[in-house]
């Protein structure tokens, strides 16, 4: 969102901490990758936490 980008740019400029930490961003990105993989393949998708990869079943 625009607010997210604005927060990120402010943090870069002023060396502040962002509203969300890196782990929250990573989890959100992984969930989005899983959603896209499921939509394109029509298959069930899981996440292998050990290997840090999306698994299409």
PDB file of N, CA and C in Angstrom:
ATOM      1  N   UNK A   1       0.832  -1.184   0.000  1.00  0.00           N
ATOM      2  CA  UNK A   1       0.000   0.000   0.000  1.00  0.00           C
ATOM      3  C   UNK A   1       0.877   1.248   0.000  1.00  0.00           C
ATOM      4  N   UNK A   2       0.237   2.357  -0.281  1.00  0.00           N
ATOM      5  CA  UNK A   2       0.964   3.625  -0.276  1.00  0.00           C
ATOM      6  C   UNK A   2       1.525   3.918   1.117  1.00  0.00           C
ATOM      7  N   UNK A   3       0.728   3.626   2.152  1.00  0.00           N
ATOM      8  CA  UNK A   3       1.185   3.883   3.530  1.00  0.00           C
ATOM      9  C   UNK A   3       2.417   3.042   3.864  1.00  0.00           C
ATOM     10  N   UNK A   4       2.445   1.805   3.394  1.00  0.00           N
ATOM     11  CA  UNK A   4       3.589   0.926   3.644  1.00  0.00           C
ATOM     12  C   UNK A   4       4.838   1.473   2.968  1.00  0.00           C
ATOM     13  N   UNK A   5       4.703   1.885   1.712  1.00  0.00           N
ATOM     14  CA  UNK A   5       5.854   2.444   0.993  1.00  0.00           C
ATOM     15  C   UNK A   5       6.325   3.739   1.639  1.00  0.00           C
ATOM     16  N   UNK A   6       5.395   4.567   2.083  1.00  0.00           N
ATOM     17  CA  UNK A   6       5.755   5.825   2.740  1.00  0.00           C
ATOM     18  C   UNK A   6       6.509   5.543   4.042  1.00  0.00           C
ATOM     19  N   UNK A   7       6.040   4.560   4.813  1.00  0.00           N
ATOM     20  CA  UNK A   7       6.712   4.187   6.057  1.00  0.00           C
ATOM     21  C   UNK A   7       8.127   3.692   5.775  1.00  0.00           C
ATOM     22  N   UNK A   8       8.271   2.866   4.753  1.00  0.00           N
ATOM     23  CA  UNK A   8       9.581   2.326   4.409  1.00  0.00           C
ATOM     24  C   UNK A   8      10.543   3.441   4.004  1.00  0.00           C
ATOM     25  N   UNK A   9      10.079   4.355   3.157  1.00  0.00           N
ATOM     26  CA  UNK A   9      10.937   5.461   2.720  1.00  0.00           C
ATOM     27  C   UNK A   9      11.335   6.353   3.894  1.00  0.00           C
ATOM     28  N   UNK A  10      10.415   6.595   4.807  1.00  0.00           N
ATOM     29  CA  UNK A  10      10.725   7.405   5.986  1.00  0.00           C
ATOM     30  C   UNK A  10      11.787   6.719   6.844  1.00  0.00           C
ATOM     31  N   UNK A  11      11.686   5.409   6.955  1.00  0.00           N
ATOM     32  CA  UNK A  11      12.674   4.658   7.740  1.00  0.00           C
ATOM     33  C   UNK A  11      14.053   4.716   7.094  1.00  0.00           C
ATOM     34  N   UNK A  12      14.102   4.650   5.780  1.00  0.00           N
ATOM     35  CA  UNK A  12      15.378   4.745   5.070  1.00  0.00           C
ATOM     36  C   UNK A  12      15.994   6.122   5.291  1.00  0.00           C
ATOM     37  N   UNK A  13      15.178   7.153   5.153  1.00  0.00           N
ATOM     38  CA  UNK A  13      15.684   8.523   5.285  1.00  0.00           C
ATOM     39  C   UNK A  13      16.111   8.870   6.708  1.00  0.00           C
ATOM     40  N   UNK A  14      15.313   8.440   7.688  1.00  0.00           N
ATOM     41  CA  UNK A  14      15.540   8.859   9.072  1.00  0.00           C
ATOM     42  C   UNK A  14      16.136   7.770   9.958  1.00  0.00           C
ATOM     43  N   UNK A  15      16.456   6.625   9.346  1.00  0.00           N
ATOM     44  CA  UNK A  15      17.039   5.494  10.085  1.00  0.00           C
ATOM     45  C   UNK A  15      16.170   5.077  11.274  1.00  0.00           C
ATOM     46  N   UNK A  16      14.867   4.997  11.018  1.00  0.00           N
ATOM     47  CA  UNK A  16      13.912   4.569  12.037  1.00  0.00           C
ATOM     48  C   UNK A  16      13.535   3.112  11.804  1.00  0.00           C
ATOM     49  N   UNK A  17      12.866   2.508  12.779  1.00  0.00           N
ATOM     50  CA  UNK A  17      12.356   1.150  12.622  1.00  0.00           C
ATOM     51  C   UNK A  17      11.023   1.205  11.878  1.00  0.00           C
ATOM     52  N   UNK A  18      10.789   0.262  10.963  1.00  0.00           N
ATOM     53  CA  UNK A  18       9.513   0.237  10.249  1.00  0.00           C
ATOM     54  C   UNK A  18       8.369  -0.235  11.152  1.00  0.00           C
ATOM     55  N   UNK A  19       7.142  -0.002  10.688  1.00  0.00           N
ATOM     56  CA  UNK A  19       5.964  -0.419  11.455  1.00  0.00           C
ATOM     57  C   UNK A  19       5.909  -1.934  11.636  1.00  0.00           C
ATOM     58  N   UNK A  20       6.335  -2.681  10.626  1.00  0.00           N
ATOM     59  CA  UNK A  20       6.338  -4.143  10.700  1.00  0.00           C
ATOM     60  C   UNK A  20       7.777  -4.633  10.597  1.00  0.00           C
ATOM     61  N   UNK A  21       8.085  -5.696  11.333  1.00  0.00           N
ATOM     62  CA  UNK A  21       9.449  -6.220  11.288  1.00  0.00           C
ATOM     63  C   UNK A  21       9.650  -7.103  10.051  1.00  0.00           C
ATOM     64  N   UNK A  22      10.875  -7.512   9.814  1.00  0.00           N
ATOM     65  CA  UNK A  22      11.229  -8.275   8.626  1.00  0.00           C
ATOM     66  C   UNK A  22      10.528  -9.624   8.595  1.00  0.00           C
ATOM     67  N   UNK A  23      10.329 -10.239   9.748  1.00  0.00           N
ATOM     68  CA  UNK A  23       9.662 -11.550   9.792  1.00  0.00           C
ATOM     69  C   UNK A  23       8.216 -11.448   9.311  1.00  0.00           C
ATOM     70  N   UNK A  24       7.533 -10.392   9.700  1.00  0.00           N
ATOM     71  CA  UNK A  24       6.150 -10.197   9.248  1.00  0.00           C
ATOM     72  C   UNK A  24       6.114 -10.020   7.733  1.00  0.00           C
ATOM     73  N   UNK A  25       7.058  -9.269   7.199  1.00  0.00           N
ATOM     74  CA  UNK A  25       7.137  -9.085   5.750  1.00  0.00           C
ATOM     75  C   UNK A  25       7.445 -10.381   5.021  1.00  0.00           C
ATOM     76  N   UNK A  26       8.338 -11.176   5.585  1.00  0.00           N
ATOM     77  CA  UNK A  26       8.693 -12.468   4.984  1.00  0.00           C
ATOM     78  C   UNK A  26       7.489 -13.394   4.971  1.00  0.00           C
ATOM     79  N   UNK A  27       6.781 -13.479   6.105  1.00  0.00           N
ATOM     80  CA  UNK A  27       5.607 -14.350   6.191  1.00  0.00           C
ATOM     81  C   UNK A  27       4.535 -13.927   5.194  1.00  0.00           C
ATOM     82  N   UNK A  28       4.340 -12.639   5.050  1.00  0.00           N
ATOM     83  CA  UNK A  28       3.352 -12.132   4.099  1.00  0.00           C
ATOM     84  C   UNK A  28       3.750 -12.490   2.670  1.00  0.00           C
ATOM     85  N   UNK A  29       5.016 -12.343   2.339  1.00  0.00           N
ATOM     86  CA  UNK A  29       5.496 -12.674   0.994  1.00  0.00           C
ATOM     87  C   UNK A  29       5.373 -14.167   0.705  1.00  0.00           C
ATOM     88  N   UNK A  30       5.693 -15.002   1.693  1.00  0.00           N
ATOM     89  CA  UNK A  30       5.573 -16.453   1.512  1.00  0.00           C
ATOM     90  C   UNK A  30       4.116 -16.843   1.276  1.00  0.00           C
ATOM     91  N   UNK A  31       3.202 -16.249   2.037  1.00  0.00           N
ATOM     92  CA  UNK A  31       1.776 -16.539   1.860  1.00  0.00           C
ATOM     93  C   UNK A  31       1.301 -16.109   0.473  1.00  0.00           C
ATOM     94  N   UNK A  32       1.780 -14.981   0.004  1.00  0.00           N
ATOM     95  CA  UNK A  32       1.407 -14.508  -1.329  1.00  0.00           C
ATOM     96  C   UNK A  32       1.940 -15.450  -2.406  1.00  0.00           C
ATOM     97  N   UNK A  33       3.173 -15.912  -2.271  1.00  0.00           N
ATOM     98  CA  UNK A  33       3.745 -16.873  -3.226  1.00  0.00           C
ATOM     99  C   UNK A  33       2.940 -18.169  -3.243  1.00  0.00           C
ATOM    100  N   UNK A  34       2.512 -18.619  -2.067  1.00  0.00           N
ATOM    101  CA  UNK A  34       1.696 -19.831  -1.983  1.00  0.00           C
ATOM    102  C   UNK A  34       0.354 -19.637  -2.678  1.00  0.00           C
ATOM    103  N   UNK A  35      -0.259 -18.493  -2.476  1.00  0.00           N
ATOM    104  CA  UNK A  35      -1.549 -18.197  -3.098  1.00  0.00           C
ATOM    105  C   UNK A  35      -1.439 -18.189  -4.616  1.00  0.00           C
ATOM    106  N   UNK A  36      -0.421 -17.533  -5.131  1.00  0.00           N
ATOM    107  CA  UNK A  36      -0.232 -17.451  -6.580  1.00  0.00           C
ATOM    108  C   UNK A  36       0.035 -18.834  -7.168  1.00  0.00           C
ATOM    109  N   UNK A  37       0.868 -19.639  -6.503  1.00  0.00           N
ATOM    110  CA  UNK A  37       1.157 -20.993  -6.982  1.00  0.00           C
ATOM    111  C   UNK A  37      -0.112 -21.837  -7.018  1.00  0.00           C
ATOM    112  N   UNK A  38      -0.942 -21.739  -5.993  1.00  0.00           N
ATOM    113  CA  UNK A  38      -2.191 -22.503  -5.947  1.00  0.00           C
ATOM    114  C   UNK A  38      -3.152 -22.053  -7.043  1.00  0.00           C
ATOM    115  N   UNK A  39      -3.235 -20.757  -7.266  1.00  0.00           N
ATOM    116  CA  UNK A  39      -4.136 -20.237  -8.297  1.00  0.00           C
ATOM    117  C   UNK A  39      -3.719 -20.694  -9.694  1.00  0.00           C
ATOM    118  N   UNK A  40      -2.429 -20.663  -9.988  1.00  0.00           N
ATOM    119  CA  UNK A  40      -1.966 -21.025 -11.322  1.00  0.00           C
ATOM    120  C   UNK A  40      -1.972 -22.528 -11.572  1.00  0.00           C
ATOM    121  N   UNK A  41      -1.743 -23.331 -10.539  1.00  0.00           N
ATOM    122  CA  UNK A  41      -1.682 -24.784 -10.724  1.00  0.00           C
ATOM    123  C   UNK A  41      -3.004 -25.473 -10.415  1.00  0.00           C
ATOM    124  N   UNK A  42      -3.837 -24.850  -9.586  1.00  0.00           N
ATOM    125  CA  UNK A  42      -5.076 -25.495  -9.158  1.00  0.00           C
ATOM    126  C   UNK A  42      -4.832 -26.611  -8.159  1.00  0.00           C
ATOM    127  N   UNK A  43      -3.635 -26.656  -7.605  1.00  0.00           N
ATOM    128  CA  UNK A  43      -3.264 -27.716  -6.661  1.00  0.00           C
ATOM    129  C   UNK A  43      -3.099 -27.156  -5.255  1.00  0.00           C
ATOM    130  N   UNK A  44      -3.058 -28.083  -4.294  1.00  0.00           N
ATOM    131  CA  UNK A  44      -2.825 -27.710  -2.899  1.00  0.00           C
ATOM    132  C   UNK A  44      -1.365 -27.311  -2.732  1.00  0.00           C
ATOM    133  N   UNK A  45      -1.138 -26.276  -1.959  1.00  0.00           N
ATOM    134  CA  UNK A  45       0.214 -25.760  -1.757  1.00  0.00           C
ATOM    135  C   UNK A  45       0.493 -25.676  -0.259  1.00  0.00           C
ATOM    136  N   UNK A  46       1.682 -26.103   0.134  1.00  0.00           N
ATOM    137  CA  UNK A  46       2.110 -25.990   1.530  1.00  0.00           C
ATOM    138  C   UNK A  46       3.465 -25.288   1.560  1.00  0.00           C
ATOM    139  N   UNK A  47       3.948 -25.062   2.767  1.00  0.00           N
ATOM    140  CA  UNK A  47       5.247 -24.417   2.934  1.00  0.00           C
ATOM    141  C   UNK A  47       6.131 -25.307   3.783  1.00  0.00           C
ATOM    142  N   UNK A  48       7.307 -25.654   3.267  1.00  0.00           N
ATOM    143  CA  UNK A  48       8.281 -26.442   4.010  1.00  0.00           C
ATOM    144  C   UNK A  48       9.133 -25.467   4.814  1.00  0.00           C
ATOM    145  N   UNK A  49       8.886 -25.434   6.113  1.00  0.00           N
ATOM    146  CA  UNK A  49       9.570 -24.472   6.974  1.00  0.00           C
ATOM    147  C   UNK A  49      11.066 -24.759   7.085  1.00  0.00           C
ATOM    148  N   UNK A  50      11.437 -26.036   7.045  1.00  0.00           N
ATOM    149  CA  UNK A  50      12.852 -26.402   7.154  1.00  0.00           C
ATOM    150  C   UNK A  50      13.646 -25.924   5.939  1.00  0.00           C
ATOM    151  N   UNK A  51      13.093 -26.162   4.753  1.00  0.00           N
ATOM    152  CA  UNK A  51      13.770 -25.767   3.514  1.00  0.00           C
ATOM    153  C   UNK A  51      13.418 -24.353   3.072  1.00  0.00           C
ATOM    154  N   UNK A  52      12.424 -23.753   3.731  1.00  0.00           N
ATOM    155  CA  UNK A  52      11.967 -22.406   3.382  1.00  0.00           C
ATOM    156  C   UNK A  52      11.555 -22.338   1.910  1.00  0.00           C
ATOM    157  N   UNK A  53      10.672 -23.291   1.501  1.00  0.00           N
ATOM    158  CA  UNK A  53      10.218 -23.295   0.121  1.00  0.00           C
ATOM    159  C   UNK A  53       8.749 -23.674   0.014  1.00  0.00           C
ATOM    160  N   UNK A  54       8.131 -23.203  -1.050  1.00  0.00           N
ATOM    161  CA  UNK A  54       6.739 -23.514  -1.347  1.00  0.00           C
ATOM    162  C   UNK A  54       6.703 -24.888  -2.003  1.00  0.00           C
ATOM    163  N   UNK A  55       5.779 -25.749  -1.542  1.00  0.00           N
ATOM    164  CA  UNK A  55       5.660 -27.109  -2.059  1.00  0.00           C
ATOM    165  C   UNK A  55       4.286 -27.264  -2.696  1.00  0.00           C
ATOM    166  N   UNK A  56       4.262 -27.633  -3.977  1.00  0.00           N
ATOM    167  CA  UNK A  56       3.006 -27.861  -4.695  1.00  0.00           C
ATOM    168  C   UNK A  56       2.713 -29.349  -4.637  1.00  0.00           C
ATOM    169  N   UNK A  57       1.550 -29.710  -4.105  1.00  0.00           N
ATOM    170  CA  UNK A  57       1.184 -31.128  -3.917  1.00  0.00           C
ATOM    171  C   UNK A  57       0.495 -31.679  -5.142  1.00  0.00           C
TER     172      UNK A  57
END
